[in-house]
Amino acid sequence: MSSQSVSGGSKRSLTIILAIVALIALIVGILWFAGAAPSFLNSGSHVKGTSGNHVYRGTAAVVVALVLGGAAWFTRKK
């Protein structure tokens, strides 16, 4: 999709959506690092009661937040 085919309104909405999802991913990543993530976020874990995956999941959430934040910034700049 080229930038000419995206109108100004939909481009702004895409930027806002990307920024909101990036913020949510950052908050979830911080919660995982703190070990305070809600139980429904750990539902895919096959071993209950361990905190070994919190570092990996927190890192993944922060990386996703950075990528989406960069994408939001990029769509705003173009």
N, C-alpha and C. Protein backbone atom coordinates (compact mmCIF):
# COMPACT_ATOMS: atom_id res chain seq x y z
N MET A 1 0.84 -1.15 0.00
CA MET A 1 0.00 0.00 0.00
C MET A 1 0.90 1.23 0.00
N SER A 2 0.72 2.07 -0.96
CA SER A 2 1.55 3.27 -1.04
C SER A 2 0.94 4.39 -0.21
N SER A 3 1.76 5.39 0.08
CA SER A 3 1.26 6.49 0.91
C SER A 3 0.26 7.35 0.15
N GLN A 4 0.24 7.28 -1.18
CA GLN A 4 -0.73 8.05 -1.93
C GLN A 4 -2.12 7.45 -1.81
N SER A 5 -2.23 6.15 -1.57
CA SER A 5 -3.54 5.52 -1.52
C SER A 5 -4.17 5.63 -0.13
N VAL A 6 -3.43 6.08 0.86
CA VAL A 6 -3.96 6.21 2.21
C VAL A 6 -4.33 7.67 2.44
N SER A 7 -5.58 7.90 2.81
CA SER A 7 -6.01 9.27 3.04
C SER A 7 -5.48 9.76 4.38
N GLY A 8 -5.54 11.06 4.58
CA GLY A 8 -5.03 11.67 5.81
C GLY A 8 -5.74 11.19 7.06
N GLY A 9 -7.06 10.99 6.99
CA GLY A 9 -7.83 10.54 8.14
C GLY A 9 -7.50 9.12 8.55
N SER A 10 -7.40 8.23 7.56
CA SER A 10 -7.09 6.84 7.90
C SER A 10 -5.63 6.69 8.33
N LYS A 11 -4.77 7.56 7.81
CA LYS A 11 -3.37 7.53 8.24
C LYS A 11 -3.25 7.95 9.69
N ARG A 12 -4.00 8.96 10.07
CA ARG A 12 -3.98 9.42 11.46
C ARG A 12 -4.56 8.35 12.38
N SER A 13 -5.66 7.70 11.95
CA SER A 13 -6.24 6.64 12.78
C SER A 13 -5.27 5.49 12.94
N LEU A 14 -4.55 5.13 11.89
CA LEU A 14 -3.56 4.06 11.98
C LEU A 14 -2.47 4.43 12.98
N THR A 15 -2.02 5.67 12.94
CA THR A 15 -1.00 6.13 13.87
C THR A 15 -1.49 6.05 15.30
N ILE A 16 -2.72 6.46 15.54
CA ILE A 16 -3.28 6.42 16.89
C ILE A 16 -3.43 4.99 17.38
N ILE A 17 -3.93 4.12 16.52
CA ILE A 17 -4.10 2.71 16.90
C ILE A 17 -2.76 2.07 17.22
N LEU A 18 -1.76 2.31 16.38
CA LEU A 18 -0.43 1.75 16.63
C LEU A 18 0.14 2.26 17.95
N ALA A 19 -0.05 3.54 18.23
CA ALA A 19 0.47 4.11 19.47
C ALA A 19 -0.23 3.53 20.69
N ILE A 20 -1.54 3.33 20.61
CA ILE A 20 -2.29 2.77 21.74
C ILE A 20 -1.88 1.33 22.00
N VAL A 21 -1.76 0.53 20.94
CA VAL A 21 -1.36 -0.87 21.11
C VAL A 21 0.08 -0.95 21.64
N ALA A 22 0.94 -0.04 21.20
CA ALA A 22 2.32 0.00 21.71
C ALA A 22 2.32 0.33 23.19
N LEU A 23 1.50 1.26 23.61
CA LEU A 23 1.41 1.62 25.03
C LEU A 23 0.90 0.45 25.87
N ILE A 24 -0.11 -0.25 25.37
CA ILE A 24 -0.64 -1.41 26.09
C ILE A 24 0.42 -2.50 26.19
N ALA A 25 1.15 -2.75 25.10
CA ALA A 25 2.21 -3.77 25.14
C ALA A 25 3.31 -3.38 26.12
N LEU A 26 3.63 -2.11 26.20
CA LEU A 26 4.65 -1.65 27.15
C LEU A 26 4.18 -1.86 28.59
N ILE A 27 2.93 -1.54 28.87
CA ILE A 27 2.39 -1.74 30.21
C ILE A 27 2.38 -3.22 30.59
N VAL A 28 1.96 -4.07 29.66
CA VAL A 28 1.95 -5.51 29.92
C VAL A 28 3.37 -6.03 30.14
N GLY A 29 4.32 -5.53 29.36
CA GLY A 29 5.71 -5.94 29.55
C GLY A 29 6.23 -5.55 30.92
N ILE A 30 5.91 -4.36 31.36
CA ILE A 30 6.34 -3.91 32.70
C ILE A 30 5.69 -4.78 33.78
N LEU A 31 4.41 -5.11 33.59
CA LEU A 31 3.73 -5.97 34.56
C LEU A 31 4.38 -7.36 34.62
N TRP A 32 4.77 -7.89 33.46
CA TRP A 32 5.42 -9.20 33.45
C TRP A 32 6.77 -9.14 34.15
N PHE A 33 7.54 -8.09 33.91
CA PHE A 33 8.83 -7.95 34.59
C PHE A 33 8.65 -7.85 36.10
N ALA A 34 7.60 -7.19 36.52
CA ALA A 34 7.35 -7.02 37.95
C ALA A 34 6.74 -8.27 38.58
N GLY A 35 6.31 -9.21 37.75
CA GLY A 35 5.66 -10.42 38.25
C GLY A 35 4.24 -10.17 38.71
N ALA A 36 3.66 -9.08 38.26
CA ALA A 36 2.31 -8.70 38.68
C ALA A 36 1.30 -8.81 37.56
N ALA A 37 1.61 -9.60 36.56
CA ALA A 37 0.69 -9.75 35.44
C ALA A 37 -0.56 -10.51 35.89
N PRO A 38 -1.73 -10.13 35.40
CA PRO A 38 -2.95 -10.84 35.76
C PRO A 38 -2.89 -12.30 35.31
N SER A 39 -3.63 -13.15 35.97
CA SER A 39 -3.55 -14.59 35.69
C SER A 39 -3.99 -14.94 34.28
N PHE A 40 -4.91 -14.17 33.68
CA PHE A 40 -5.35 -14.51 32.33
C PHE A 40 -4.24 -14.32 31.29
N LEU A 41 -3.21 -13.51 31.60
CA LEU A 41 -2.09 -13.37 30.68
C LEU A 41 -1.15 -14.56 30.74
N ASN A 42 -1.22 -15.35 31.78
CA ASN A 42 -0.38 -16.54 31.91
C ASN A 42 -1.13 -17.81 31.55
N SER A 43 -2.27 -17.70 30.89
CA SER A 43 -3.10 -18.86 30.60
C SER A 43 -2.43 -19.83 29.64
N GLY A 44 -1.50 -19.39 28.82
CA GLY A 44 -0.84 -20.29 27.87
C GLY A 44 0.34 -21.03 28.47
N SER A 45 0.66 -20.76 29.71
CA SER A 45 1.80 -21.40 30.35
C SER A 45 1.46 -22.82 30.71
N HIS A 46 2.34 -23.74 30.37
CA HIS A 46 2.08 -25.14 30.67
C HIS A 46 2.49 -25.51 32.09
N VAL A 47 3.30 -24.70 32.73
CA VAL A 47 3.71 -24.94 34.11
C VAL A 47 3.18 -23.79 34.95
N LYS A 48 2.27 -24.08 35.84
CA LYS A 48 1.66 -23.04 36.67
C LYS A 48 2.53 -22.76 37.89
N GLY A 49 2.57 -21.52 38.29
CA GLY A 49 3.27 -21.15 39.50
C GLY A 49 4.75 -20.88 39.32
N THR A 50 5.26 -20.92 38.11
CA THR A 50 6.67 -20.60 37.90
C THR A 50 6.78 -19.22 37.30
N SER A 51 7.89 -18.56 37.56
CA SER A 51 8.06 -17.21 37.04
C SER A 51 9.16 -17.14 35.99
N GLY A 52 9.63 -18.27 35.49
CA GLY A 52 10.71 -18.28 34.52
C GLY A 52 10.35 -17.65 33.20
N ASN A 53 9.09 -17.76 32.80
CA ASN A 53 8.68 -17.22 31.50
C ASN A 53 8.38 -15.73 31.56
N HIS A 54 8.32 -15.16 32.75
CA HIS A 54 7.99 -13.74 32.86
C HIS A 54 9.03 -12.87 32.19
N VAL A 55 10.29 -13.23 32.29
CA VAL A 55 11.34 -12.43 31.67
C VAL A 55 11.22 -12.49 30.15
N TYR A 56 10.98 -13.67 29.62
CA TYR A 56 10.86 -13.81 28.17
C TYR A 56 9.63 -13.10 27.63
N ARG A 57 8.52 -13.27 28.32
CA ARG A 57 7.28 -12.62 27.88
C ARG A 57 7.36 -11.11 28.04
N GLY A 58 7.98 -10.66 29.11
CA GLY A 58 8.15 -9.23 29.31
C GLY A 58 9.04 -8.62 28.24
N THR A 59 10.13 -9.33 27.91
CA THR A 59 11.03 -8.85 26.85
C THR A 59 10.30 -8.80 25.52
N ALA A 60 9.53 -9.84 25.22
CA ALA A 60 8.79 -9.87 23.95
C ALA A 60 7.78 -8.72 23.89
N ALA A 61 7.10 -8.46 24.99
CA ALA A 61 6.11 -7.37 25.02
C ALA A 61 6.78 -6.01 24.82
N VAL A 62 7.94 -5.81 25.43
CA VAL A 62 8.64 -4.53 25.27
C VAL A 62 9.15 -4.38 23.83
N VAL A 63 9.63 -5.47 23.24
CA VAL A 63 10.09 -5.41 21.84
C VAL A 63 8.93 -5.08 20.92
N VAL A 64 7.78 -5.72 21.16
CA VAL A 64 6.59 -5.41 20.35
C VAL A 64 6.19 -3.94 20.52
N ALA A 65 6.27 -3.44 21.75
CA ALA A 65 5.95 -2.04 22.01
C ALA A 65 6.89 -1.11 21.25
N LEU A 66 8.18 -1.44 21.24
CA LEU A 66 9.14 -0.61 20.52
C LEU A 66 8.90 -0.64 19.01
N VAL A 67 8.60 -1.81 18.48
CA VAL A 67 8.35 -1.92 17.04
C VAL A 67 7.08 -1.15 16.65
N LEU A 68 6.03 -1.33 17.43
CA LEU A 68 4.79 -0.62 17.11
C LEU A 68 4.91 0.88 17.34
N GLY A 69 5.66 1.28 18.36
CA GLY A 69 5.91 2.69 18.57
C GLY A 69 6.69 3.30 17.42
N GLY A 70 7.68 2.55 16.93
CA GLY A 70 8.43 3.00 15.75
C GLY A 70 7.56 3.09 14.52
N ALA A 71 6.66 2.12 14.36
CA ALA A 71 5.75 2.16 13.22
C ALA A 71 4.79 3.35 13.31
N ALA A 72 4.33 3.65 14.52
CA ALA A 72 3.45 4.81 14.70
C ALA A 72 4.20 6.10 14.38
N TRP A 73 5.44 6.19 14.84
CA TRP A 73 6.25 7.37 14.54
C TRP A 73 6.50 7.49 13.04
N PHE A 74 6.78 6.36 12.39
CA PHE A 74 7.06 6.35 10.96
C PHE A 74 5.83 6.79 10.16
N THR A 75 4.65 6.29 10.54
CA THR A 75 3.45 6.68 9.81
C THR A 75 3.11 8.15 10.04
N ARG A 76 3.48 8.68 11.18
CA ARG A 76 3.26 10.10 11.46
C ARG A 76 4.19 10.98 10.64
N LYS A 77 5.41 10.52 10.44
CA LYS A 77 6.42 11.32 9.71
C LYS A 77 6.16 11.36 8.22
N LYS A 78 5.67 10.30 7.65
CA LYS A 78 5.51 10.23 6.18
C LYS A 78 4.35 11.03 5.69
